[in-house]
């Protein structure tokens, strides 16, 4: 992300796919001027893609929604694709997801369309060299900020994404037991109740935690709108306040909205609580029509789960791939 980064090596975008964005870990510390975080919706898949390429966890990668991205390599380097179950080919030869691959100048990298899950992450050794704005390259279309062109726009055909050359010949993969299963378009999500739970009756809270909700078509990187049994807050609104990642806000119609990475920074709807951050990726991989159930956990449980996940990630060893497999 240096201003002096080599702009002559990288990848040419032949087809941008349905919706492909440059994302690093996110833009933090700027809520005070109204800038949201952005960053990868599935942080788990994102961090594994970067790790496979030997990158820092904040390295810039590509988030591909549904699929369809086609790149031509103008560099010798290592790439990895994680996330949704999406066909990956290099020069028309099928390649494995959750594994690093060497690419050479002239190679054609193609992602088909996801058969389960909805978001993939393509990382490159050293990360993509893109100039940061407000300390991040994260693309936030709603704010017209970040990304390759610094204006929040998604990748377009003809774009050139710079990166540096990497001569590593090792191939690594994520162990099978550390790869998420995206086969079911449903999820059980854990919720930490917030102080505004008092705006909901015990009956409404029991209704929420014992019911199924569906993801509607009105869902994007800002938030997922749900449909199911209405839970009506006892207040019509609150004084606008900051909104955290995963907040479950409930407007007057009683249909919950789970706010995600590109959410507005403040809002005035009562919030029942917030999703455990580890479950954001599970939600983000689901398609409209996906079925959700929720269960409450304590903030102490949330801290323990988060620390355990971080330690498991650190302790997990990447497997070496034989060149003859």
Protein backbone atom coordinates (compact mmCIF):
# COMPACT_ATOMS: atom_id res chain seq x y z
CA UNK A 1 0.00 0.00 0.00
CA UNK A 2 3.01 2.24 -0.40
CA UNK A 3 2.82 5.20 -2.75
CA UNK A 4 6.11 3.91 -4.23
CA UNK A 5 4.78 0.42 -4.90
CA UNK A 6 5.62 -1.14 -8.27
CA UNK A 7 2.76 -0.34 -10.65
CA UNK A 8 4.08 -2.45 -13.55
CA UNK A 9 3.39 -5.93 -12.18
CA UNK A 10 0.01 -7.23 -11.13
CA UNK A 11 -3.24 -8.53 -12.59
CA UNK A 12 -5.39 -7.26 -15.45
CA UNK A 13 -9.14 -7.59 -14.90
CA UNK A 14 -10.63 -9.35 -17.93
CA UNK A 15 -14.08 -9.79 -16.34
CA UNK A 16 -14.92 -8.19 -12.99
CA UNK A 17 -17.59 -10.72 -12.03
CA UNK A 18 -20.88 -9.90 -10.39
CA UNK A 19 -19.42 -7.62 -7.71
CA UNK A 20 -15.72 -7.63 -6.81
CA UNK A 21 -14.21 -5.26 -4.27
CA UNK A 22 -10.72 -4.58 -2.94
CA UNK A 23 -10.81 -5.06 0.85
CA UNK A 24 -8.27 -5.03 3.63
CA UNK A 25 -9.18 -5.69 7.27
CA UNK A 26 -11.15 -2.44 7.39
CA UNK A 27 -11.03 1.29 8.08
CA UNK A 28 -10.96 1.92 11.82
CA UNK A 29 -10.96 5.00 14.03
CA UNK A 30 -12.98 7.30 11.77
CA UNK A 31 -16.57 6.86 12.98
CA UNK A 32 -16.31 10.36 14.43
CA UNK A 33 -16.31 11.81 10.91
CA UNK A 34 -18.95 9.36 9.70
CA UNK A 35 -16.71 6.79 7.97
CA UNK A 36 -17.67 3.17 8.53
CA UNK A 37 -15.33 0.16 8.70
CA UNK A 38 -15.83 -1.67 5.42
CA UNK A 39 -13.56 -4.71 5.18
CA UNK A 40 -14.33 -8.37 4.42
CA UNK A 41 -17.79 -9.67 5.27
CA UNK A 42 -16.33 -13.12 5.95
CA UNK A 43 -13.29 -12.30 8.06
CA UNK A 44 -12.45 -15.97 8.56
CA UNK A 45 -12.14 -16.80 4.85
CA UNK A 46 -10.26 -13.52 4.31
CA UNK A 47 -7.63 -14.24 6.97
CA UNK A 48 -7.03 -17.78 5.67
CA UNK A 49 -6.53 -16.49 2.11
CA UNK A 50 -3.91 -14.03 3.34
CA UNK A 51 -2.22 -16.62 5.51
CA UNK A 52 -1.91 -19.04 2.59
CA UNK A 53 0.00 -16.32 0.74
CA UNK A 54 2.22 -15.51 3.72
CA UNK A 55 0.58 -12.10 4.15
CA UNK A 56 -0.22 -9.95 7.13
CA UNK A 57 -3.87 -10.15 8.18
CA UNK A 58 -4.42 -6.58 7.00
CA UNK A 59 -3.18 -7.23 3.45
CA UNK A 60 -5.46 -6.14 0.61
CA UNK A 61 -7.34 -8.94 -1.18
CA UNK A 62 -10.35 -9.17 -3.50
CA UNK A 63 -13.82 -9.99 -2.17
CA UNK A 64 -15.82 -11.64 -4.98
CA UNK A 65 -19.58 -11.84 -4.55
CA UNK A 66 -21.17 -14.87 -6.29
CA UNK A 67 -18.29 -15.20 -8.77
CA UNK A 68 -17.39 -14.54 -12.39
CA UNK A 69 -13.99 -12.85 -11.88
CA UNK A 70 -11.40 -13.42 -14.62
CA UNK A 71 -7.85 -12.11 -14.29
CA UNK A 72 -4.76 -12.23 -16.48
CA UNK A 73 -1.50 -12.38 -14.55
CA UNK A 74 1.21 -9.87 -15.40
CA UNK A 75 3.43 -11.14 -12.58
CA UNK A 76 5.03 -14.29 -11.21
CA UNK A 77 3.57 -14.79 -7.76
CA UNK A 78 1.41 -16.89 -5.42
CA UNK A 79 -2.37 -16.63 -5.06
CA UNK A 80 -5.02 -18.35 -2.95
CA UNK A 81 -8.81 -18.40 -3.11
CA UNK A 82 -10.97 -19.21 -0.08
CA UNK A 83 -14.62 -18.80 0.86
CA UNK A 84 -17.63 -19.87 -1.18
CA UNK A 85 -17.50 -23.14 -3.14
CA UNK A 86 -16.60 -21.63 -6.49
CA UNK A 87 -14.91 -23.36 -9.45
CA UNK A 88 -11.35 -22.06 -9.84
CA UNK A 89 -9.23 -22.63 -12.93
CA UNK A 90 -5.75 -21.48 -13.96
CA UNK A 91 -5.24 -21.75 -17.72
CA UNK A 92 -8.45 -23.83 -17.89
CA UNK A 93 -7.04 -26.38 -15.42
CA UNK A 94 -9.11 -26.96 -12.30
CA UNK A 95 -7.45 -25.84 -9.06
CA UNK A 96 -8.32 -26.36 -5.40
CA UNK A 97 -9.75 -23.70 -3.12
CA UNK A 98 -8.22 -23.14 0.34
CA UNK A 99 -4.79 -23.75 -1.21
CA UNK A 100 -1.97 -21.59 -2.56
CA UNK A 101 -1.01 -21.73 -6.24
CA UNK A 102 1.87 -20.34 -8.25
CA UNK A 103 0.93 -18.21 -11.24
CA UNK A 104 3.16 -16.88 -14.01
CA UNK A 105 3.02 -13.98 -16.41
CA UNK A 106 0.29 -14.68 -18.98
CA UNK A 107 -1.70 -17.10 -16.81
CA UNK A 108 -5.49 -16.76 -16.90
CA UNK A 109 -7.27 -17.12 -13.55
CA UNK A 110 -11.02 -17.74 -13.67
CA UNK A 111 -13.61 -18.06 -10.94
CA UNK A 112 -16.95 -19.58 -11.89
CA UNK A 113 -20.13 -19.03 -9.93
CA UNK A 114 -20.64 -20.19 -6.36
CA UNK A 115 -22.54 -23.43 -5.80
CA UNK A 116 -22.73 -22.85 -2.03
CA UNK A 117 -21.77 -19.81 -0.05
CA UNK A 118 -21.74 -16.43 -1.78
CA UNK A 119 -18.40 -14.69 -1.15
CA UNK A 120 -14.87 -15.68 -2.15
CA UNK A 121 -11.53 -14.08 -1.31
CA UNK A 122 -8.55 -13.95 -3.65
CA UNK A 123 -5.26 -13.03 -1.96
CA UNK A 124 -1.81 -12.57 -3.46
CA UNK A 125 1.63 -12.83 -1.88
CA UNK A 126 2.47 -9.42 -0.42
CA UNK A 127 -1.07 -8.16 -0.87
CA UNK A 128 -2.27 -5.83 -3.63
CA UNK A 129 -0.36 -2.53 -3.73
CA UNK A 130 -3.09 0.08 -3.58
CA UNK A 131 -2.89 3.54 -2.05
CA UNK A 132 -4.74 3.86 1.24
CA UNK A 133 -7.22 6.57 2.08
CA UNK A 134 -7.92 7.20 5.76
CA UNK A 135 -5.43 4.42 6.57
CA UNK A 136 -7.21 1.71 4.57
CA UNK A 137 -7.89 0.54 1.02
CA UNK A 138 -11.28 -0.97 2.01
CA UNK A 139 -13.93 -0.29 -0.64
CA UNK A 140 -17.15 1.26 0.71
CA UNK A 141 -19.41 2.04 -2.28
CA UNK A 142 -21.99 3.87 -0.13
CA UNK A 143 -19.32 6.36 0.96
CA UNK A 144 -17.65 6.50 -2.50
CA UNK A 145 -14.40 5.74 -0.72
CA UNK A 146 -11.52 3.31 -1.07
CA UNK A 147 -10.73 0.55 -3.51
CA UNK A 148 -8.54 0.55 -6.60
CA UNK A 149 -9.76 3.95 -7.81
CA UNK A 150 -10.21 5.39 -4.28
CA UNK A 151 -13.84 6.30 -5.11
CA UNK A 152 -15.63 3.23 -3.75
CA UNK A 153 -16.25 1.70 -7.17
CA UNK A 154 -16.04 -2.08 -7.71
CA UNK A 155 -13.49 -3.60 -10.08
CA UNK A 156 -14.16 -3.03 -13.78
CA UNK A 157 -13.01 -4.79 -16.95
CA UNK A 158 -9.65 -3.36 -17.99
CA UNK A 159 -8.54 -2.45 -14.47
CA UNK A 160 -4.96 -3.24 -13.48
CA UNK A 161 -4.38 -4.32 -9.87
CA UNK A 162 -0.71 -3.92 -8.93
CA UNK A 163 1.28 -6.27 -6.72
CA UNK A 164 4.92 -7.28 -6.36
CA UNK A 165 6.65 -10.39 -7.68
CA UNK A 166 7.04 -13.39 -5.37
CA UNK A 167 9.29 -16.32 -6.23
CA UNK A 168 8.11 -18.79 -3.56
CA UNK A 169 7.62 -22.31 -4.91
CA UNK A 170 5.94 -23.86 -1.87
CA UNK A 171 2.26 -24.77 -2.01
CA UNK A 172 0.19 -24.83 1.15
CA UNK A 173 -3.39 -25.67 2.04
CA UNK A 174 -5.77 -25.20 4.94
CA UNK A 175 -6.51 -28.49 6.76
CA UNK A 176 -9.94 -29.93 5.93
CA UNK A 177 -11.13 -29.64 9.52
CA UNK A 178 -10.52 -25.87 9.50
CA UNK A 179 -12.56 -25.19 6.37
CA UNK A 180 -16.14 -23.96 6.87
CA UNK A 181 -19.09 -25.88 5.43
CA UNK A 182 -21.28 -23.60 3.32
CA UNK A 183 -23.58 -26.32 2.01
CA UNK A 184 -26.65 -25.35 4.06
CA UNK A 185 -28.36 -22.04 3.31
CA UNK A 186 -29.15 -21.70 7.01
CA UNK A 187 -27.32 -20.82 10.22
CA UNK A 188 -27.66 -20.64 13.99
CA UNK A 189 -26.26 -17.27 15.07
CA UNK A 190 -25.19 -16.25 18.57
CA UNK A 191 -26.35 -12.94 20.02
CA UNK A 192 -25.08 -10.81 22.89
CA UNK A 193 -28.05 -8.89 24.28
CA UNK A 194 -27.44 -5.16 24.70
CA UNK A 195 -28.73 -2.63 27.18
CA UNK A 196 -31.62 -1.75 24.84
CA UNK A 197 -33.11 -5.22 25.31
CA UNK A 198 -35.25 -3.43 27.91
CA UNK A 199 -37.12 -1.88 24.97
CA UNK A 200 -38.46 -5.37 24.15
CA UNK A 201 -40.83 -7.42 26.28
CA UNK A 202 -39.81 -10.86 27.56
CA UNK A 203 -42.46 -12.34 25.26
CA UNK A 204 -40.94 -10.61 22.22
CA UNK A 205 -37.44 -11.75 23.18
CA UNK A 206 -38.65 -15.33 23.59
CA UNK A 207 -40.40 -15.06 20.23
CA UNK A 208 -37.21 -13.86 18.55
CA UNK A 209 -35.04 -16.62 20.00
CA UNK A 210 -37.54 -19.40 19.26
CA UNK A 211 -38.43 -18.43 15.68
CA UNK A 212 -36.97 -18.73 12.20
CA UNK A 213 -36.20 -15.67 10.10
CA UNK A 214 -35.54 -15.44 6.38
CA UNK A 215 -32.98 -13.29 4.60
CA UNK A 216 -34.76 -10.96 2.18
CA UNK A 217 -33.63 -9.66 -1.21
CA UNK A 218 -33.09 -6.27 0.48
CA UNK A 219 -29.73 -7.35 1.88
CA UNK A 220 -26.26 -6.05 1.06
CA UNK A 221 -22.94 -5.09 2.65
CA UNK A 222 -24.73 -2.48 4.79
CA UNK A 223 -27.05 -4.98 6.40
CA UNK A 224 -29.32 -7.99 6.01
CA UNK A 225 -33.04 -7.34 6.31
CA UNK A 226 -34.92 -10.28 7.76
CA UNK A 227 -38.52 -11.45 7.57
CA UNK A 228 -40.29 -13.44 10.25
CA UNK A 229 -42.38 -12.98 13.39
CA UNK A 230 -42.47 -9.27 14.21
CA UNK A 231 -40.96 -8.13 17.49
CA UNK A 232 -42.23 -4.70 18.44
CA UNK A 233 -40.10 -2.45 20.64
CA UNK A 234 -41.93 -0.55 23.37
CA UNK A 235 -40.39 2.71 22.13
CA UNK A 236 -40.74 4.24 18.67
CA UNK A 237 -37.15 5.36 18.49
CA UNK A 238 -34.11 6.41 20.46
CA UNK A 239 -31.61 9.24 20.35
CA UNK A 240 -29.24 8.39 17.50
CA UNK A 241 -26.09 6.66 18.72
CA UNK A 242 -23.12 4.71 17.39
CA UNK A 243 -23.78 1.31 15.83
CA UNK A 244 -21.44 -1.65 16.23
CA UNK A 245 -20.80 -4.42 13.72
CA UNK A 246 -23.55 -7.04 13.89
CA UNK A 247 -26.07 -4.85 15.69
CA UNK A 248 -29.65 -6.16 15.40
CA UNK A 249 -31.85 -3.10 15.04
CA UNK A 250 -35.62 -3.29 14.95
CA UNK A 251 -37.58 -0.62 13.07
CA UNK A 252 -41.28 0.10 13.57
CA UNK A 253 -42.42 -2.82 11.40
CA UNK A 254 -40.79 -5.28 13.83
CA UNK A 255 -38.64 -6.97 11.16
CA UNK A 256 -35.00 -7.14 12.35
CA UNK A 257 -32.06 -5.77 10.38
CA UNK A 258 -28.55 -7.13 11.07
CA UNK A 259 -26.05 -4.35 10.36
CA UNK A 260 -22.78 -5.31 8.68
CA UNK A 261 -19.47 -3.81 7.58
CA UNK A 262 -20.78 -0.95 5.43
CA UNK A 263 -23.45 0.12 7.97
CA UNK A 264 -24.13 3.73 8.81
CA UNK A 265 -22.16 4.89 11.85
CA UNK A 266 -25.17 6.14 13.86
CA UNK A 267 -28.84 5.19 14.02
CA UNK A 268 -32.01 5.73 16.00
CA UNK A 269 -33.74 2.34 15.98
CA UNK A 270 -33.76 0.25 19.17
CA UNK A 271 -31.26 -2.62 19.08
CA UNK A 272 -31.95 -5.99 20.64
CA UNK A 273 -28.27 -6.91 20.77
CA UNK A 274 -25.37 -7.78 18.48
CA UNK A 275 -24.18 -10.89 16.67
CA UNK A 276 -21.03 -12.54 17.92
CA UNK A 277 -18.36 -11.27 15.52
CA UNK A 278 -17.35 -14.85 14.67
CA UNK A 279 -20.82 -15.43 13.21
CA UNK A 280 -20.81 -12.44 10.84
CA UNK A 281 -19.09 -14.53 8.15
CA UNK A 282 -21.62 -17.37 8.52
CA UNK A 283 -24.42 -14.87 7.90
CA UNK A 284 -22.65 -13.10 5.04
CA UNK A 285 -22.16 -16.37 3.13
CA UNK A 286 -25.92 -16.99 3.01
CA UNK A 287 -28.13 -16.06 0.08
CA UNK A 288 -31.59 -14.44 0.10
CA UNK A 289 -34.06 -17.05 1.33
CA UNK A 290 -31.52 -18.37 3.83
CA UNK A 291 -33.01 -19.41 7.16
CA UNK A 292 -31.69 -18.03 10.45
CA UNK A 293 -32.16 -18.96 14.06
CA UNK A 294 -30.67 -17.08 17.00
CA UNK A 295 -29.49 -18.00 20.48
CA UNK A 296 -28.43 -15.66 23.30
CA UNK A 297 -24.98 -15.85 24.88
CA UNK A 298 -23.32 -13.76 27.59
CA UNK A 299 -20.57 -11.27 26.91
CA UNK A 300 -18.23 -13.51 28.93
CA UNK A 301 -19.04 -16.43 26.64
CA UNK A 302 -18.45 -14.19 23.64
CA UNK A 303 -15.00 -13.18 24.92
CA UNK A 304 -14.08 -16.82 25.55
CA UNK A 305 -15.26 -17.93 22.10
CA UNK A 306 -13.32 -15.13 20.42
CA UNK A 307 -10.10 -15.87 22.29
CA UNK A 308 -10.45 -19.60 21.61
CA UNK A 309 -10.94 -18.95 17.91
CA UNK A 310 -7.88 -16.70 17.77
CA UNK A 311 -5.75 -19.32 19.49
CA UNK A 312 -7.01 -22.10 17.21
CA UNK A 313 -6.11 -20.02 14.17
CA UNK A 314 -2.60 -19.42 15.51
CA UNK A 315 -2.14 -23.09 16.43
CA UNK A 316 -3.46 -24.46 13.12
CA UNK A 317 -0.67 -25.57 10.80
CA UNK A 318 -0.93 -25.20 7.07
CA UNK A 319 -0.31 -28.45 5.19
CA UNK A 320 2.35 -28.75 2.50
CA UNK A 321 1.02 -29.80 -0.90
CA UNK A 322 3.09 -32.22 -2.94
CA UNK A 323 3.83 -30.91 -6.44
CA UNK A 324 2.80 -34.35 -7.73
CA UNK A 325 -0.67 -34.48 -6.17
